[in-house]
Amino acid sequence: MPGILAEKILTGSSTDKELIAIAEKVKQRQRITDEEGLLLFEKGELPFLGALANFVREDLHGDKTYFNRNFHIEPTNVCVFTCNFCSYSRLYAHRDEGWELTMQQMLDLVKKYDDQPVTEVHIVGGVHPKMNLEFFAELLRKIKMHRPDLHIKGFTAVELDYMFRKGKMSVHDGMRYLHEAGLDSLPGGGAEIFHPEIRKQICADKVDGDGWLKIHETAHNLGMHSNATMLYGHIESYWHRIDHMNRLRALQDKTKGFNTFIPLKFRNKGNDMDHIPESSVIEDMKMYAVARIYMDNFPHLKAYWPMLGRQSAQLTLSFGVNDLDGTIDDTTKIYSMAGSEEQTPSMSTAELVSLIQQVKRKPVERGTLYNEIKDYSGSGTQTVPAELN
């Protein structure tokens, strides 16, 4: 049930009649329109948005806050594409400045976690012309052969689109091929902003919004789940965000294959958009709140804590967020290279549990598909079982 503050807001403490009408719709669990979503961005004050988003969050999940034990493999930062916002990749022509992991090196990373209770490996990186469909299919097979129970979440739609085109496979055949090789689900990366007028300015040469959506729809139709992201806080307007979320919401209505929506904060260090100031914490919280209210058919809203930083990630738990991703591993370089708050993005399970408990939420370890593995709420506020320390 929603908290007392949310109830006060929902019963009309706002003096704006349009906002009160939206709050009443949300209270009745009715879908808001694009125009109403835009109004929340433009006129909604932060306490109002937070209470409304928290109403939705607690209605869906109570105080539960999910995390998983995962690690990342980033095969390469060499990339054939030039995205203006990217601080991570090195063009293929300058590949000597980047890294390229061999298959054995990646398998060694997997084996590094053999005695640890991780449940997921997340594979994502640059688009390297020599790391093709066959290469990654073989990697998937070898990981599954070594550790069959490890969930493999891998490859953005940008990587997949390039693999399929280079391998002369349709999206359906390519997705089925990787799924049969061991790919379990897709991350949400590469979505950025779907609208072409923004996309052509920040990432003109990679798969477009329609292509991204087609790949995820195909995965859903094959029985796979996926996540969805949006890169916010750069040159887009509020209505571009609504357009982006509308397309995701429409696909979710059709397939019900998305697990979670992840707003990703633009970071301006070391890229071609370094002249654009980053969004404020207030704008960050507004983004999460509106996303939770608008994305009514997405079961989960995730804050990627390495990008936001631990304190801001904690704060999002009052603005609709019910998932903080995972423990992750310090091999994650994508956001640290862009100037994220966390230069060594790794937390122990004990630290993550404590982070959640400090704001009176209940930490629950999950699998990739949100099967509950362990509820830590019984351990007492800021007290973690000894086996995690």
Protein backbone atom coordinates (compact mmCIF):
# COMPACT_ATOMS: atom_id res chain seq x y z
CA MET A 1 0.00 0.00 0.00
CA PRO A 2 1.20 3.56 -0.65
CA GLY A 3 2.78 5.55 2.11
CA ILE A 4 1.14 8.37 4.07
CA LEU A 5 2.96 11.11 2.14
CA ALA A 6 1.82 9.65 -1.17
CA GLU A 7 -1.78 9.50 0.08
CA LYS A 8 -1.65 13.16 1.07
CA ILE A 9 -0.39 14.14 -2.35
CA LEU A 10 -2.91 11.95 -4.13
CA THR A 11 -5.83 13.39 -2.21
CA GLY A 12 -5.16 16.86 -3.54
CA SER A 13 -2.44 18.76 -1.72
CA SER A 14 -1.31 20.12 -5.09
CA THR A 15 -3.16 23.27 -6.13
CA ASP A 16 -2.75 22.59 -9.86
CA LYS A 17 -6.00 21.11 -11.18
CA GLU A 18 -4.31 19.35 -14.11
CA LEU A 19 -1.80 17.68 -11.82
CA ILE A 20 -4.52 16.70 -9.36
CA ALA A 21 -6.42 15.08 -12.23
CA ILE A 22 -3.32 13.08 -13.20
CA ALA A 23 -2.83 12.01 -9.59
CA GLU A 24 -6.42 10.78 -9.45
CA LYS A 25 -5.88 8.72 -12.61
CA VAL A 26 -2.76 7.18 -11.13
CA LYS A 27 -4.60 6.46 -7.89
CA GLN A 28 -7.24 4.62 -9.92
CA ARG A 29 -4.45 2.74 -11.75
CA GLN A 30 -5.38 4.29 -15.07
CA ARG A 31 -2.83 4.93 -17.82
CA ILE A 32 -1.73 8.52 -18.33
CA THR A 33 -1.43 10.01 -21.80
CA ASP A 34 1.63 11.41 -23.55
CA GLU A 35 0.31 14.91 -22.90
CA GLU A 36 -0.07 14.17 -19.21
CA GLY A 37 3.41 12.69 -19.06
CA LEU A 38 4.80 15.87 -20.63
CA LEU A 39 2.84 17.94 -18.13
CA LEU A 40 4.47 16.05 -15.27
CA PHE A 41 7.90 16.94 -16.64
CA GLU A 42 7.00 20.59 -17.23
CA LYS A 43 4.88 21.44 -14.17
CA GLY A 44 5.33 18.71 -11.59
CA GLU A 45 7.26 19.78 -8.50
CA LEU A 46 9.65 17.24 -7.10
CA PRO A 47 7.76 16.39 -3.86
CA PHE A 48 4.58 15.79 -5.88
CA LEU A 49 6.34 13.63 -8.48
CA GLY A 50 8.19 11.68 -5.82
CA ALA A 51 5.05 10.90 -3.86
CA LEU A 52 3.15 9.89 -6.99
CA ALA A 53 5.99 7.68 -8.21
CA ASN A 54 6.37 6.16 -4.75
CA PHE A 55 2.65 5.35 -4.74
CA VAL A 56 3.16 3.32 -7.92
CA ARG A 57 6.36 1.73 -6.64
CA GLU A 58 4.84 0.63 -3.33
CA ASP A 59 1.63 -0.49 -4.98
CA LEU A 60 3.71 -2.83 -7.16
CA HIS A 61 6.51 -3.90 -4.83
CA GLY A 62 6.01 -2.49 -1.35
CA ASP A 63 9.45 -1.74 0.13
CA LYS A 64 11.24 -4.50 -1.76
CA THR A 65 14.37 -3.34 -3.57
CA TYR A 66 16.01 -5.84 -5.86
CA PHE A 67 19.62 -6.48 -6.74
CA ASN A 68 21.56 -9.36 -8.21
CA ARG A 69 25.07 -10.74 -8.00
CA ASN A 70 26.56 -10.23 -11.42
CA PHE A 71 29.77 -9.46 -13.25
CA HIS A 72 30.52 -7.85 -16.57
CA ILE A 73 32.64 -8.89 -19.51
CA GLU A 74 33.52 -6.14 -21.94
CA PRO A 75 35.12 -7.88 -24.93
CA THR A 76 36.48 -4.71 -26.54
CA ASN A 77 36.17 -0.96 -26.66
CA VAL A 78 37.18 -0.94 -30.33
CA CYS A 79 34.15 0.13 -32.34
CA VAL A 80 33.21 0.81 -35.95
CA PHE A 81 30.67 3.45 -34.88
CA THR A 82 31.17 7.04 -33.77
CA CYS A 83 28.65 8.12 -31.16
CA ASN A 84 29.18 11.70 -30.01
CA PHE A 85 28.24 10.95 -26.40
CA CYS A 86 30.59 7.97 -26.09
CA SER A 87 33.70 8.25 -23.92
CA TYR A 88 34.40 4.56 -24.09
CA SER A 89 35.10 3.37 -27.61
CA ARG A 90 38.11 3.69 -29.86
CA LEU A 91 37.63 3.65 -33.61
CA TYR A 92 38.84 0.56 -35.40
CA ALA A 93 41.46 2.68 -37.19
CA HIS A 94 42.93 3.46 -33.76
CA ARG A 95 42.42 0.04 -32.21
CA ASP A 96 45.93 0.09 -30.76
CA GLU A 97 44.58 2.59 -28.22
CA GLY A 98 41.89 0.21 -27.00
CA TRP A 99 41.60 -3.36 -25.78
CA GLU A 100 40.49 -6.59 -27.42
CA LEU A 101 40.00 -9.61 -25.19
CA THR A 102 40.60 -13.05 -26.62
CA MET A 103 38.03 -15.78 -26.15
CA GLN A 104 40.31 -17.45 -23.62
CA GLN A 105 40.67 -14.23 -21.64
CA MET A 106 36.88 -13.94 -21.47
CA LEU A 107 36.52 -17.55 -20.38
CA ASP A 108 39.16 -16.93 -17.72
CA LEU A 109 37.02 -14.06 -16.41
CA VAL A 110 34.08 -16.44 -16.11
CA LYS A 111 36.23 -19.00 -14.29
CA LYS A 112 37.38 -16.30 -11.88
CA TYR A 113 33.87 -16.46 -10.36
CA ASP A 114 33.64 -20.25 -10.12
CA ASP A 115 33.59 -20.25 -6.33
CA GLN A 116 31.29 -17.23 -6.01
CA PRO A 117 27.47 -17.22 -5.96
CA VAL A 118 27.03 -14.93 -8.96
CA THR A 119 23.95 -15.63 -11.08
CA GLU A 120 24.54 -13.48 -14.16
CA VAL A 121 27.24 -12.47 -16.60
CA HIS A 122 26.56 -9.32 -18.59
CA ILE A 123 28.45 -9.19 -21.92
CA VAL A 124 28.51 -5.87 -23.75
CA GLY A 125 31.14 -3.75 -25.49
CA GLY A 126 32.17 -2.05 -28.69
CA VAL A 127 31.35 -3.28 -32.19
CA HIS A 128 34.48 -4.98 -33.45
CA PRO A 129 34.43 -6.29 -37.06
CA LYS A 130 36.44 -9.40 -36.18
CA MET A 131 34.23 -10.35 -33.23
CA ASN A 132 31.42 -11.63 -35.38
CA LEU A 133 28.34 -13.77 -34.93
CA GLU A 134 30.26 -17.05 -35.02
CA PHE A 135 32.84 -15.78 -32.54
CA PHE A 136 30.22 -14.82 -29.97
CA ALA A 137 28.12 -17.95 -30.55
CA GLU A 138 31.19 -20.02 -29.73
CA LEU A 139 31.86 -17.92 -26.62
CA LEU A 140 28.28 -18.49 -25.45
CA ARG A 141 28.55 -22.24 -25.98
CA LYS A 142 31.81 -22.42 -24.02
CA ILE A 143 30.43 -20.39 -21.11
CA LYS A 144 27.35 -22.62 -20.93
CA MET A 145 29.50 -25.74 -21.14
CA HIS A 146 31.61 -24.51 -18.24
CA ARG A 147 28.79 -23.14 -16.06
CA PRO A 148 25.32 -24.12 -17.34
CA ASP A 149 23.42 -22.35 -14.55
CA LEU A 150 24.95 -18.92 -15.25
CA HIS A 151 22.44 -16.60 -16.91
CA ILE A 152 24.01 -14.88 -19.93
CA LYS A 153 22.64 -11.42 -20.61
CA GLY A 154 24.44 -10.08 -23.62
CA PHE A 155 24.82 -7.72 -26.53
CA THR A 156 23.03 -4.47 -27.19
CA ALA A 157 20.81 -4.15 -30.22
CA VAL A 158 23.62 -2.13 -31.80
CA GLU A 159 26.02 -5.06 -31.51
CA LEU A 160 23.38 -7.53 -32.66
CA ASP A 161 22.34 -5.48 -35.68
CA TYR A 162 25.95 -5.35 -36.87
CA MET A 163 26.50 -9.08 -36.25
CA PHE A 164 23.38 -10.04 -38.18
CA ARG A 165 24.11 -7.76 -41.13
CA LYS A 166 27.73 -8.87 -41.34
CA GLY A 167 26.68 -12.53 -41.01
CA LYS A 168 23.96 -12.07 -43.66
CA MET A 169 21.29 -13.36 -41.30
CA SER A 170 17.80 -12.01 -40.69
CA VAL A 171 17.08 -10.63 -37.25
CA HIS A 172 14.90 -13.65 -36.48
CA ASP A 173 17.46 -16.21 -37.62
CA GLY A 174 20.33 -14.41 -35.93
CA MET A 175 18.49 -14.09 -32.63
CA ARG A 176 17.44 -17.73 -32.71
CA TYR A 177 21.03 -18.77 -33.49
CA LEU A 178 22.44 -16.91 -30.48
CA HIS A 179 19.61 -18.03 -28.23
CA GLU A 180 20.28 -21.66 -29.10
CA ALA A 181 24.00 -21.07 -28.46
CA GLY A 182 23.25 -19.94 -24.90
CA LEU A 183 22.14 -16.30 -24.92
CA ASP A 184 19.40 -16.01 -22.30
CA SER A 185 18.34 -12.36 -22.38
CA LEU A 186 19.23 -8.93 -23.77
CA PRO A 187 20.38 -5.81 -21.94
CA GLY A 188 18.72 -2.52 -22.80
CA GLY A 189 21.71 -0.60 -24.15
CA GLY A 190 21.94 1.24 -27.45
CA ALA A 191 18.44 2.71 -27.26
CA GLU A 192 19.70 6.24 -26.47
CA ILE A 193 16.83 8.42 -27.79
CA PHE A 194 14.68 6.86 -30.48
CA HIS A 195 13.52 10.02 -32.21
CA PRO A 196 15.45 10.45 -35.48
CA GLU A 197 16.08 14.18 -35.07
CA ILE A 198 18.08 13.49 -31.91
CA ARG A 199 19.54 10.18 -33.01
CA LYS A 200 21.06 11.65 -36.16
CA GLN A 201 22.91 14.20 -34.02
CA ILE A 202 24.32 11.85 -31.39
CA CYS A 203 24.59 8.40 -33.03
CA ALA A 204 23.73 8.68 -36.71
CA ASP A 205 25.60 5.65 -38.01
CA LYS A 206 24.21 2.87 -35.81
CA VAL A 207 20.91 1.02 -35.77
CA ASP A 208 17.91 3.36 -35.64
CA GLY A 209 15.04 3.29 -33.17
CA ASP A 210 12.84 1.05 -35.31
CA GLY A 211 15.72 -1.40 -35.72
CA TRP A 212 16.35 -1.46 -31.97
CA LEU A 213 12.69 -2.17 -31.28
CA LYS A 214 12.54 -4.91 -33.93
CA ILE A 215 15.47 -6.76 -32.37
CA HIS A 216 13.87 -6.68 -28.92
CA GLU A 217 10.47 -7.67 -30.28
CA THR A 218 12.08 -10.62 -32.05
CA ALA A 219 13.81 -11.69 -28.85
CA HIS A 220 10.52 -11.50 -26.96
CA ASN A 221 8.79 -13.59 -29.61
CA LEU A 222 11.48 -16.24 -29.13
CA GLY A 223 10.68 -16.40 -25.44
CA MET A 224 13.56 -14.20 -24.30
CA HIS A 225 13.25 -11.24 -21.96
CA SER A 226 15.08 -7.96 -22.25
CA ASN A 227 15.58 -4.57 -20.63
CA ALA A 228 15.19 -1.10 -22.09
CA THR A 229 17.18 2.08 -21.54
CA MET A 230 17.02 5.76 -22.39
CA LEU A 231 19.98 8.15 -22.40
CA TYR A 232 18.69 11.42 -20.96
CA GLY A 233 20.05 14.82 -20.04
CA HIS A 234 21.84 15.96 -23.20
CA ILE A 235 20.23 17.67 -26.24
CA GLU A 236 16.80 16.06 -26.04
CA SER A 237 13.62 17.80 -24.93
CA TYR A 238 11.04 16.43 -22.55
CA TRP A 239 8.79 15.46 -25.43
CA HIS A 240 11.60 13.36 -26.95
CA ARG A 241 11.70 11.41 -23.69
CA ILE A 242 7.94 10.87 -23.80
CA ASP A 243 8.15 9.76 -27.44
CA HIS A 244 10.88 7.29 -26.50
CA MET A 245 8.94 5.88 -23.56
CA ASN A 246 5.75 5.72 -25.63
CA ARG A 247 7.41 3.44 -28.18
CA LEU A 248 8.65 1.17 -25.42
CA ARG A 249 5.28 1.13 -23.70
CA ALA A 250 3.57 0.22 -26.97
CA LEU A 251 5.94 -2.70 -27.59
CA GLN A 252 5.49 -3.90 -24.03
CA ASP A 253 1.72 -3.91 -24.55
CA LYS A 254 2.32 -6.17 -27.54
CA THR A 255 4.94 -8.61 -26.22
CA LYS A 256 5.18 -8.21 -22.43
CA GLY A 257 8.86 -9.13 -22.80
CA PHE A 258 10.56 -6.23 -21.01
CA ASN A 259 11.66 -6.71 -17.42
CA THR A 260 12.80 -3.25 -16.50
CA PHE A 261 13.28 0.31 -17.72
CA ILE A 262 16.61 1.99 -16.99
CA PRO A 263 17.05 5.75 -17.47
CA LEU A 264 20.76 6.39 -18.04
CA LYS A 265 22.24 9.76 -17.12
CA PHE A 266 24.40 11.41 -19.80
CA ARG A 267 27.95 11.96 -18.64
CA ASN A 268 30.05 14.54 -20.43
CA LYS A 269 33.67 13.59 -19.70
CA GLY A 270 35.97 12.68 -22.58
CA ASN A 271 33.49 12.80 -25.45
CA ASP A 272 32.36 15.09 -28.26
CA MET A 273 29.50 16.46 -26.17
CA ASP A 274 31.62 17.64 -23.25
CA HIS A 275 30.31 21.20 -23.73
CA ILE A 276 26.83 20.12 -22.62
CA PRO A 277 26.29 20.41 -18.87
CA GLU A 278 25.08 17.34 -17.02
CA SER A 279 21.61 17.20 -15.50
CA SER A 280 21.12 18.16 -11.86
CA VAL A 281 20.12 15.72 -9.15
CA ILE A 282 16.67 17.33 -9.19
CA GLU A 283 16.32 16.61 -12.90
CA ASP A 284 17.58 13.07 -12.34
CA MET A 285 14.92 12.39 -9.71
CA LYS A 286 12.24 13.94 -11.92
CA MET A 287 13.26 11.60 -14.73
CA TYR A 288 12.93 8.51 -12.56
CA ALA A 289 9.63 9.63 -11.08
CA VAL A 290 7.98 10.41 -14.41
CA ALA A 291 9.29 7.16 -15.86
CA ARG A 292 7.71 5.16 -13.01
CA ILE A 293 4.38 6.94 -13.43
CA TYR A 294 4.29 6.77 -17.23
CA MET A 295 5.72 3.26 -17.81
CA ASP A 296 2.76 1.55 -16.23
CA ASN A 297 3.28 -1.82 -17.95
CA PHE A 298 6.96 -2.15 -17.02
CA PRO A 299 7.14 -4.15 -13.79
CA HIS A 300 10.47 -2.70 -12.66
CA LEU A 301 12.39 0.58 -12.74
CA LYS A 302 16.14 0.36 -12.27
CA ALA A 303 18.77 2.91 -11.27
CA TYR A 304 22.24 1.97 -12.45
CA TRP A 305 24.18 2.98 -9.35
CA PRO A 306 27.71 3.16 -10.88
CA MET A 307 26.51 5.92 -13.20
CA LEU A 308 24.56 7.92 -10.61
CA GLY A 309 26.74 7.31 -7.59
CA ARG A 310 25.69 5.56 -4.40
CA GLN A 311 23.96 8.47 -2.69
CA SER A 312 21.90 9.49 -5.71
CA ALA A 313 21.02 5.86 -6.35
CA GLN A 314 19.78 5.64 -2.76
CA LEU A 315 17.66 8.72 -3.35
CA THR A 316 15.98 7.21 -6.41
CA LEU A 317 14.39 4.62 -4.11
CA SER A 318 12.02 7.41 -3.04
CA PHE A 319 11.27 8.33 -6.66
CA GLY A 320 9.88 5.11 -8.06
CA VAL A 321 12.97 2.93 -8.37
CA ASN A 322 12.81 -0.63 -7.01
CA ASP A 323 16.04 -2.09 -8.44
CA LEU A 324 19.68 -1.05 -8.05
CA ASP A 325 21.14 -3.52 -10.58
CA GLY A 326 23.87 -5.65 -9.07
CA THR A 327 27.10 -5.98 -7.22
CA ILE A 328 28.86 -5.69 -10.61
CA ASP A 329 32.62 -5.98 -10.93
CA ASP A 330 35.38 -3.44 -11.36
CA THR A 331 35.96 -4.60 -14.94
CA THR A 332 33.09 -2.26 -15.91
CA LYS A 333 34.72 0.63 -17.75
CA ILE A 334 31.95 2.13 -19.87
CA TYR A 335 30.70 4.67 -17.35
CA SER A 336 33.86 5.27 -15.36
CA MET A 337 35.49 6.48 -18.61
CA ALA A 338 32.63 8.95 -19.07
CA GLY A 339 33.10 10.51 -15.66
CA SER A 340 30.57 8.55 -13.60
CA GLU A 341 30.42 9.02 -9.85
CA GLU A 342 31.88 5.58 -9.23
CA GLN A 343 35.36 5.17 -10.68
CA THR A 344 35.61 1.64 -9.30
CA PRO A 345 32.06 0.38 -9.84
CA SER A 346 31.93 -2.61 -7.56
CA MET A 347 30.07 -3.25 -4.33
CA SER A 348 30.03 -6.29 -2.15
CA THR A 349 26.67 -7.83 -1.39
CA ALA A 350 27.00 -6.61 2.18
CA GLU A 351 27.54 -3.03 1.02
CA LEU A 352 24.60 -3.14 -1.36
CA VAL A 353 22.30 -4.63 1.26
CA SER A 354 23.36 -1.94 3.73
CA LEU A 355 22.84 0.81 1.13
CA ILE A 356 19.25 -0.30 0.68
CA GLN A 357 18.54 -0.78 4.38
CA GLN A 358 19.83 2.69 5.24
CA VAL A 359 16.78 4.20 3.53
CA LYS A 360 14.35 1.75 5.16
CA ARG A 361 13.83 -0.43 2.11
CA LYS A 362 13.94 -4.23 2.03
CA PRO A 363 16.84 -5.72 0.05
CA VAL A 364 15.98 -8.79 -2.00
CA GLU A 365 18.51 -10.68 -4.09
CA ARG A 366 17.00 -11.71 -7.44
CA GLY A 367 17.88 -13.62 -10.54
CA THR A 368 17.98 -11.87 -13.91
CA LEU A 369 14.30 -12.63 -14.50
CA TYR A 370 13.31 -11.41 -11.02
CA ASN A 371 12.97 -14.75 -9.32
CA GLU A 372 13.58 -14.01 -5.64
CA ILE A 373 16.68 -15.77 -4.32
CA LYS A 374 17.04 -14.34 -0.83
CA ASP A 375 15.23 -11.73 1.23
CA TYR A 376 17.66 -9.84 3.49
CA SER A 377 15.02 -7.70 5.19
CA GLY A 378 14.94 -9.99 8.22
CA SER A 379 18.56 -9.23 9.04
CA GLY A 380 17.68 -5.96 10.74
CA THR A 381 18.42 -2.39 9.70
CA GLN A 382 21.99 -2.02 8.50
CA THR A 383 22.81 -5.51 9.80
CA VAL A 384 24.08 -8.03 7.27
CA PRO A 385 24.43 -11.77 7.72
CA ALA A 386 27.98 -12.80 8.54
CA GLU A 387 28.43 -14.88 5.40
CA LEU A 388 28.24 -11.71 3.30
CA ASN A 389 30.99 -9.81 5.04
